[in-house]
Amino acid sequence: MTGPALNADLISFLRSPRSRSPMHVEGDELVSDDGAERYPILKNVPRLAGDPYVGSFGRQWNRYEVVRPEEDEATFEAKTGVPPSDMAGKLVLDAGCGGGRYARLLGEHGANVLGVDLSSAVDKAAEMCAGLPNVQIVQGDLLDPPVVEDAFDLVFSIGVLHHSPDPRRAFAAIARRVKPGGRLAVWLYRKNIAPQEWINSGVRAVTTRLPARVLEPLCVGLGAVGSVPILNRTLNKLVNFSAHPDWTLRVCDNFDWWAPAYQSHHSLAELRSWFEEEGFEDLVELRPMKSGRLYDWTYDHDLIIGSGVNVAGRRKV
């Protein structure tokens, strides 16, 4: 199955990653308006960047079926502060679309969505969004997004920027794509207390060097451990593994944590400062869907490994 046909209106928001020239379609290529630059279009996905350090994500999102419509809708609203239905007719940039679960969700709700990702997960995203002509998937680098600035009603990035070699630069780049008065929402891994950071950094120094054929069985094993309540409430406060009730998502989450070459952790104050420095106001911290006295206490004291810091704000007019 291939993705939807190219959306000419959404293509018009693309810019050359080198010259910033507008682009247009010529046959199976995307061409800068001066004709000097040409980029291939494969499976209806313009390829404006390679895949230099995110190969694990291409493998992950093409291998695991993770779309869960009800959960995706609830997660999107929790992590952006916006019900998907409110985006009907709006222009949205999914900054790091991965396998396309949120691009598909928003497209089904009538949003006009440009989904950008650096990895070969764009193939899966295009497949997931087949039949949605209001969604266009593009392979591009968020460190220098091949997208026009000051244009989007909503730009969101859920669990992506912390896998960049320069998260602050990537944040600034996607922030510039929000139109004045538009909304930006970003979710990043939370920085835990020092012993947790030391342990997980030490283990990741090993796992990131393992071939996928070795790491994936380990993630399956951790998936089994994550199904044992007493372990997923205690042991994973030292070494991260998923306790998601869905087996496939549990294994996928484990691979997502242990495989990527880059993984940075951030404080809420740090993320809020990025929004302020890029000219955003009306900032709000978006809390997790899960709550409870014990959970809230451990969350607020940075003890939950794999939890996030999540902020949304409006770009000043």
Protein backbone atom coordinates (compact mmCIF):
# COMPACT_ATOMS: atom_id res chain seq x y z
CA MET A 1 0.00 0.00 0.00
CA THR A 2 1.26 3.49 -0.85
CA GLY A 3 0.42 6.76 0.79
CA PRO A 4 -2.10 9.32 -0.38
CA ALA A 5 -1.51 11.28 -3.58
CA LEU A 6 0.66 14.37 -3.22
CA ASN A 7 -1.22 17.33 -1.76
CA ALA A 8 -0.26 20.37 -3.85
CA ASP A 9 -1.49 22.83 -1.23
CA LEU A 10 0.66 21.26 1.51
CA ILE A 11 3.61 20.88 -0.86
CA SER A 12 3.47 24.67 -1.29
CA PHE A 13 4.56 25.02 2.36
CA LEU A 14 7.80 23.13 1.71
CA ARG A 15 11.12 24.89 1.24
CA SER A 16 14.47 23.65 0.01
CA PRO A 17 16.66 22.60 2.96
CA ARG A 18 19.61 24.28 1.25
CA SER A 19 18.43 27.49 -0.43
CA ARG A 20 15.00 27.92 1.28
CA SER A 21 13.54 28.23 -2.21
CA PRO A 22 9.90 27.24 -2.76
CA MET A 23 9.45 23.81 -4.30
CA HIS A 24 7.20 22.27 -6.92
CA VAL A 25 6.58 18.79 -8.29
CA GLU A 26 8.03 17.65 -11.60
CA GLY A 27 7.26 14.02 -12.27
CA ASP A 28 8.79 11.97 -9.46
CA GLU A 29 10.92 14.81 -8.11
CA LEU A 30 10.49 17.88 -5.95
CA VAL A 31 12.31 20.74 -7.63
CA SER A 32 13.33 24.17 -6.35
CA ASP A 33 11.68 26.99 -8.27
CA ASP A 34 15.03 28.04 -9.77
CA GLY A 35 15.56 24.46 -10.98
CA ALA A 36 18.92 24.13 -9.23
CA GLU A 37 17.88 21.51 -6.65
CA ARG A 38 16.06 18.22 -7.11
CA TYR A 39 14.86 15.77 -4.48
CA PRO A 40 13.28 12.37 -5.12
CA ILE A 41 9.68 11.53 -4.35
CA LEU A 42 9.30 7.87 -3.37
CA LYS A 43 5.95 6.33 -2.45
CA ASN A 44 4.46 9.85 -2.59
CA VAL A 45 6.88 11.04 0.13
CA PRO A 46 9.29 13.86 -0.79
CA ARG A 47 12.75 12.87 0.48
CA LEU A 48 14.48 16.08 1.56
CA ALA A 49 16.94 14.47 3.98
CA GLY A 50 18.74 11.20 4.61
CA ASP A 51 18.66 8.99 7.69
CA PRO A 52 22.00 9.67 9.43
CA TYR A 53 21.38 8.61 13.05
CA VAL A 54 17.75 7.55 13.44
CA GLY A 55 17.79 4.12 11.86
CA SER A 56 16.33 2.53 14.99
CA PHE A 57 13.16 4.58 14.56
CA GLY A 58 12.69 3.47 10.99
CA ARG A 59 12.96 -0.13 12.17
CA GLN A 60 10.73 0.49 15.18
CA TRP A 61 7.81 2.21 13.51
CA ASN A 62 7.85 0.00 10.42
CA ARG A 63 7.98 -3.15 12.56
CA TYR A 64 5.46 -2.53 15.35
CA GLU A 65 1.78 -1.77 14.88
CA VAL A 66 1.16 0.91 17.50
CA VAL A 67 -1.95 2.77 16.34
CA ARG A 68 -4.61 2.62 19.06
CA PRO A 69 -7.30 5.15 18.03
CA GLU A 70 -8.91 5.79 21.41
CA GLU A 71 -5.60 5.92 23.26
CA ASP A 72 -4.01 8.07 20.56
CA GLU A 73 -6.84 10.60 20.80
CA ALA A 74 -6.57 10.82 24.58
CA THR A 75 -2.77 11.03 24.46
CA PHE A 76 -2.79 13.73 21.82
CA GLU A 77 -5.17 15.91 23.80
CA ALA A 78 -3.22 15.35 27.04
CA LYS A 79 0.12 16.23 25.43
CA THR A 80 -0.99 19.21 23.33
CA GLY A 81 -3.90 20.55 25.37
CA VAL A 82 -6.05 20.52 22.22
CA PRO A 83 -8.88 18.10 21.32
CA PRO A 84 -8.17 16.71 17.83
CA SER A 85 -11.64 17.74 16.70
CA ASP A 86 -10.70 21.41 17.29
CA MET A 87 -8.11 21.16 14.52
CA ALA A 88 -10.63 20.67 11.68
CA GLY A 89 -9.65 22.99 8.84
CA LYS A 90 -6.47 24.12 10.64
CA LEU A 91 -2.91 23.87 9.34
CA VAL A 92 -0.82 21.56 11.54
CA LEU A 93 2.85 20.55 11.56
CA ASP A 94 3.56 17.17 13.13
CA ALA A 95 7.24 17.70 13.94
CA GLY A 96 8.60 14.17 14.14
CA CYS A 97 5.61 12.19 12.89
CA GLY A 98 7.22 8.76 13.30
CA GLY A 99 4.83 6.08 12.12
CA GLY A 100 2.04 8.62 11.59
CA ARG A 101 -0.39 7.85 14.42
CA TYR A 102 -1.11 11.51 15.25
CA ALA A 103 -0.98 12.71 11.65
CA ARG A 104 -3.60 10.10 10.85
CA LEU A 105 -5.70 11.05 13.88
CA LEU A 106 -5.71 14.74 12.96
CA GLY A 107 -6.33 14.01 9.30
CA GLU A 108 -9.38 11.98 10.24
CA HIS A 109 -10.62 15.00 12.20
CA GLY A 110 -10.27 17.25 9.16
CA ALA A 111 -6.97 19.03 9.87
CA ASN A 112 -4.52 19.80 7.07
CA VAL A 113 -1.40 18.05 8.28
CA LEU A 114 2.21 18.19 7.19
CA GLY A 115 4.08 15.35 8.91
CA VAL A 116 7.90 15.58 8.91
CA ASP A 117 10.29 12.89 10.10
CA LEU A 118 13.96 12.14 9.48
CA SER A 119 13.73 8.35 9.59
CA SER A 120 12.36 5.78 7.16
CA ALA A 121 9.31 5.67 9.44
CA VAL A 122 7.85 8.06 6.85
CA ASP A 123 7.04 4.95 4.80
CA LYS A 124 4.83 3.67 7.60
CA ALA A 125 3.33 7.11 8.16
CA ALA A 126 2.39 7.43 4.49
CA GLU A 127 0.80 3.99 4.62
CA MET A 128 -1.12 4.85 7.78
CA CYS A 129 -2.43 8.06 6.18
CA ALA A 130 -3.48 6.45 2.90
CA GLY A 131 -6.93 7.71 2.00
CA LEU A 132 -6.39 11.04 3.75
CA PRO A 133 -5.66 13.60 1.01
CA ASN A 134 -5.38 16.34 3.65
CA VAL A 135 -2.20 14.74 5.06
CA GLN A 136 1.24 15.01 3.45
CA ILE A 137 4.25 13.12 4.81
CA VAL A 138 7.77 14.42 4.15
CA GLN A 139 11.21 13.09 5.05
CA GLY A 140 13.13 16.03 6.50
CA ASP A 141 15.41 17.11 9.34
CA LEU A 142 13.92 19.04 12.28
CA LEU A 143 17.27 20.72 12.88
CA ASP A 144 16.50 22.60 9.68
CA PRO A 145 12.90 21.80 8.73
CA PRO A 146 12.20 22.07 4.99
CA VAL A 147 9.06 24.02 5.82
CA VAL A 148 8.02 27.67 5.55
CA GLU A 149 8.16 29.76 8.73
CA ASP A 150 5.31 31.64 10.50
CA ALA A 151 2.56 29.53 8.93
CA PHE A 152 1.07 26.85 11.18
CA ASP A 153 -1.89 27.08 13.55
CA LEU A 154 -0.42 24.24 15.60
CA VAL A 155 3.05 22.74 15.72
CA PHE A 156 3.53 19.80 18.04
CA SER A 157 6.37 17.43 18.85
CA ILE A 158 5.71 14.49 21.14
CA GLY A 159 8.77 12.53 22.29
CA VAL A 160 11.03 13.55 19.41
CA LEU A 161 13.36 16.48 20.05
CA HIS A 162 15.23 14.68 22.84
CA HIS A 163 16.50 12.26 20.18
CA SER A 164 18.22 15.08 18.28
CA PRO A 165 21.94 15.81 18.67
CA ASP A 166 20.90 19.42 19.41
CA PRO A 167 17.42 19.56 21.02
CA ARG A 168 17.57 23.30 21.71
CA ARG A 169 18.31 24.09 18.07
CA ALA A 170 15.55 21.75 16.90
CA PHE A 171 13.12 23.42 19.31
CA ALA A 172 13.97 26.88 17.95
CA ALA A 173 13.55 25.62 14.39
CA ILE A 174 10.07 24.20 14.88
CA ALA A 175 9.03 27.20 17.01
CA ARG A 176 9.68 29.47 14.03
CA ARG A 177 7.14 27.52 12.00
CA VAL A 178 4.27 28.58 14.30
CA LYS A 179 2.32 31.56 13.03
CA PRO A 180 1.84 34.56 15.34
CA GLY A 181 -1.01 33.63 17.66
CA GLY A 182 -0.52 29.94 16.88
CA ARG A 183 0.18 27.17 19.38
CA LEU A 184 3.26 25.06 20.07
CA ALA A 185 3.24 21.93 22.25
CA VAL A 186 6.37 19.91 23.11
CA TRP A 187 6.88 16.77 25.21
CA LEU A 188 10.42 15.77 26.25
CA TYR A 189 11.89 13.15 28.55
CA ARG A 190 12.14 14.36 32.13
CA LYS A 191 15.51 14.60 33.86
CA ASN A 192 15.46 12.18 36.80
CA ILE A 193 17.49 12.22 40.00
CA ALA A 194 21.23 11.64 39.65
CA PRO A 195 21.40 7.89 40.54
CA GLN A 196 18.66 7.10 38.00
CA GLU A 197 20.44 9.14 35.33
CA TRP A 198 23.76 7.41 36.04
CA ILE A 199 22.28 3.91 35.91
CA ASN A 200 20.28 4.40 32.72
CA SER A 201 23.08 6.28 30.96
CA GLY A 202 25.43 3.44 31.83
CA VAL A 203 23.08 0.78 30.51
CA ARG A 204 22.34 2.79 27.36
CA ALA A 205 26.07 3.05 26.70
CA VAL A 206 25.83 -0.70 26.09
CA THR A 207 22.39 -1.08 24.49
CA THR A 208 22.94 1.62 21.86
CA ARG A 209 25.86 -0.43 20.57
CA LEU A 210 23.93 -3.68 20.31
CA PRO A 211 22.62 -4.83 16.93
CA ALA A 212 18.83 -4.88 16.70
CA ARG A 213 18.78 -8.69 16.46
CA VAL A 214 20.27 -8.78 19.98
CA LEU A 215 18.48 -5.79 21.50
CA GLU A 216 14.98 -6.72 20.38
CA PRO A 217 14.88 -10.02 22.32
CA LEU A 218 16.05 -8.12 25.39
CA CYS A 219 13.18 -5.66 24.91
CA VAL A 220 10.79 -8.60 24.63
CA GLY A 221 12.15 -9.93 27.91
CA LEU A 222 11.64 -6.55 29.53
CA GLY A 223 8.12 -6.62 28.10
CA ALA A 224 7.49 -9.77 30.11
CA VAL A 225 8.97 -8.17 33.24
CA GLY A 226 6.69 -5.16 32.67
CA SER A 227 3.63 -7.37 33.01
CA VAL A 228 4.48 -8.25 36.62
CA PRO A 229 2.92 -5.58 38.89
CA ILE A 230 5.39 -5.79 41.77
CA LEU A 231 8.31 -5.40 39.35
CA ASN A 232 6.88 -2.61 37.23
CA ARG A 233 6.25 -0.58 40.39
CA THR A 234 9.69 -1.08 41.90
CA LEU A 235 12.46 -2.29 39.58
CA ASN A 236 11.65 0.19 36.83
CA LYS A 237 12.45 3.03 39.22
CA LEU A 238 16.07 1.95 38.69
CA VAL A 239 16.18 0.66 35.12
CA ASN A 240 13.51 1.79 32.70
CA PHE A 241 11.07 -0.64 31.10
CA SER A 242 7.50 -0.15 30.01
CA ALA A 243 4.51 -1.20 32.08
CA HIS A 244 1.97 -0.41 29.37
CA PRO A 245 -0.94 -2.89 29.47
CA ASP A 246 -0.60 -3.58 25.72
CA TRP A 247 2.15 -6.14 24.98
CA THR A 248 3.15 -4.70 21.58
CA LEU A 249 3.34 -1.16 22.90
CA ARG A 250 5.33 -2.38 25.88
CA VAL A 251 8.00 -3.97 23.68
CA CYS A 252 8.00 -0.98 21.32
CA ASP A 253 8.41 1.43 24.24
CA ASN A 254 11.39 -0.56 25.49
CA PHE A 255 13.08 -0.47 22.10
CA ASP A 256 12.30 3.24 21.86
CA TRP A 257 14.17 3.84 25.12
CA TRP A 258 17.22 1.62 24.71
CA ALA A 259 18.01 1.78 20.96
CA PRO A 260 18.31 5.44 19.85
CA ALA A 261 21.76 6.94 19.44
CA TYR A 262 20.71 10.21 21.10
CA GLN A 263 18.57 10.66 24.18
CA SER A 264 18.57 13.80 26.34
CA HIS A 265 16.58 14.55 29.50
CA HIS A 266 15.23 17.95 30.53
CA SER A 267 13.66 19.84 33.41
CA LEU A 268 10.35 21.65 33.30
CA ALA A 269 12.10 24.95 34.01
CA GLU A 270 14.46 24.38 31.09
CA LEU A 271 11.65 23.66 28.64
CA ARG A 272 9.64 26.68 29.84
CA SER A 273 12.71 28.87 29.33
CA TRP A 274 12.96 27.70 25.71
CA PHE A 275 9.37 28.77 25.06
CA GLU A 276 9.99 32.16 26.63
CA GLU A 277 13.23 32.72 24.71
CA GLU A 278 11.45 31.96 21.42
CA GLY A 279 8.67 34.46 22.07
CA PHE A 280 5.82 32.36 23.46
CA GLU A 281 3.35 33.34 26.16
CA ASP A 282 0.36 31.89 28.04
CA LEU A 283 2.55 28.90 28.89
CA VAL A 284 0.94 25.93 30.55
CA GLU A 285 2.39 22.73 31.97
CA LEU A 286 0.48 19.73 30.66
CA ARG A 287 0.27 17.06 33.33
CA PRO A 288 0.08 13.30 32.60
CA MET A 289 -3.27 11.58 32.22
CA LYS A 290 -2.40 9.30 35.11
CA SER A 291 -2.75 10.79 38.59
CA GLY A 292 -3.00 9.88 42.25
CA ARG A 293 -1.33 10.98 45.44
CA LEU A 294 1.66 8.62 45.20
CA TYR A 295 2.03 9.01 41.43
CA ASP A 296 1.87 12.80 41.61
CA TRP A 297 4.49 12.87 44.37
CA THR A 298 6.94 10.64 42.49
CA TYR A 299 6.30 12.54 39.24
CA ASP A 300 6.89 15.93 40.84
CA HIS A 301 10.10 14.66 42.47
CA ASP A 302 11.49 13.43 39.11
CA LEU A 303 11.44 9.77 40.14
CA ILE A 304 9.48 8.25 37.25
CA ILE A 305 11.91 7.16 34.56
CA GLY A 306 10.53 7.69 31.07
CA SER A 307 8.06 10.35 32.19
CA GLY A 308 8.09 13.72 30.53
CA VAL A 309 8.08 17.46 30.81
CA ASN A 310 5.29 18.89 28.69
CA VAL A 311 4.59 22.54 27.89
CA ALA A 312 2.33 24.36 25.47
CA GLY A 313 2.15 28.04 24.65
CA ARG A 314 0.98 30.68 22.20
CA ARG A 315 3.34 32.61 19.95
CA LYS A 316 3.18 36.31 20.60
CA VAL A 317 1.44 38.36 17.93
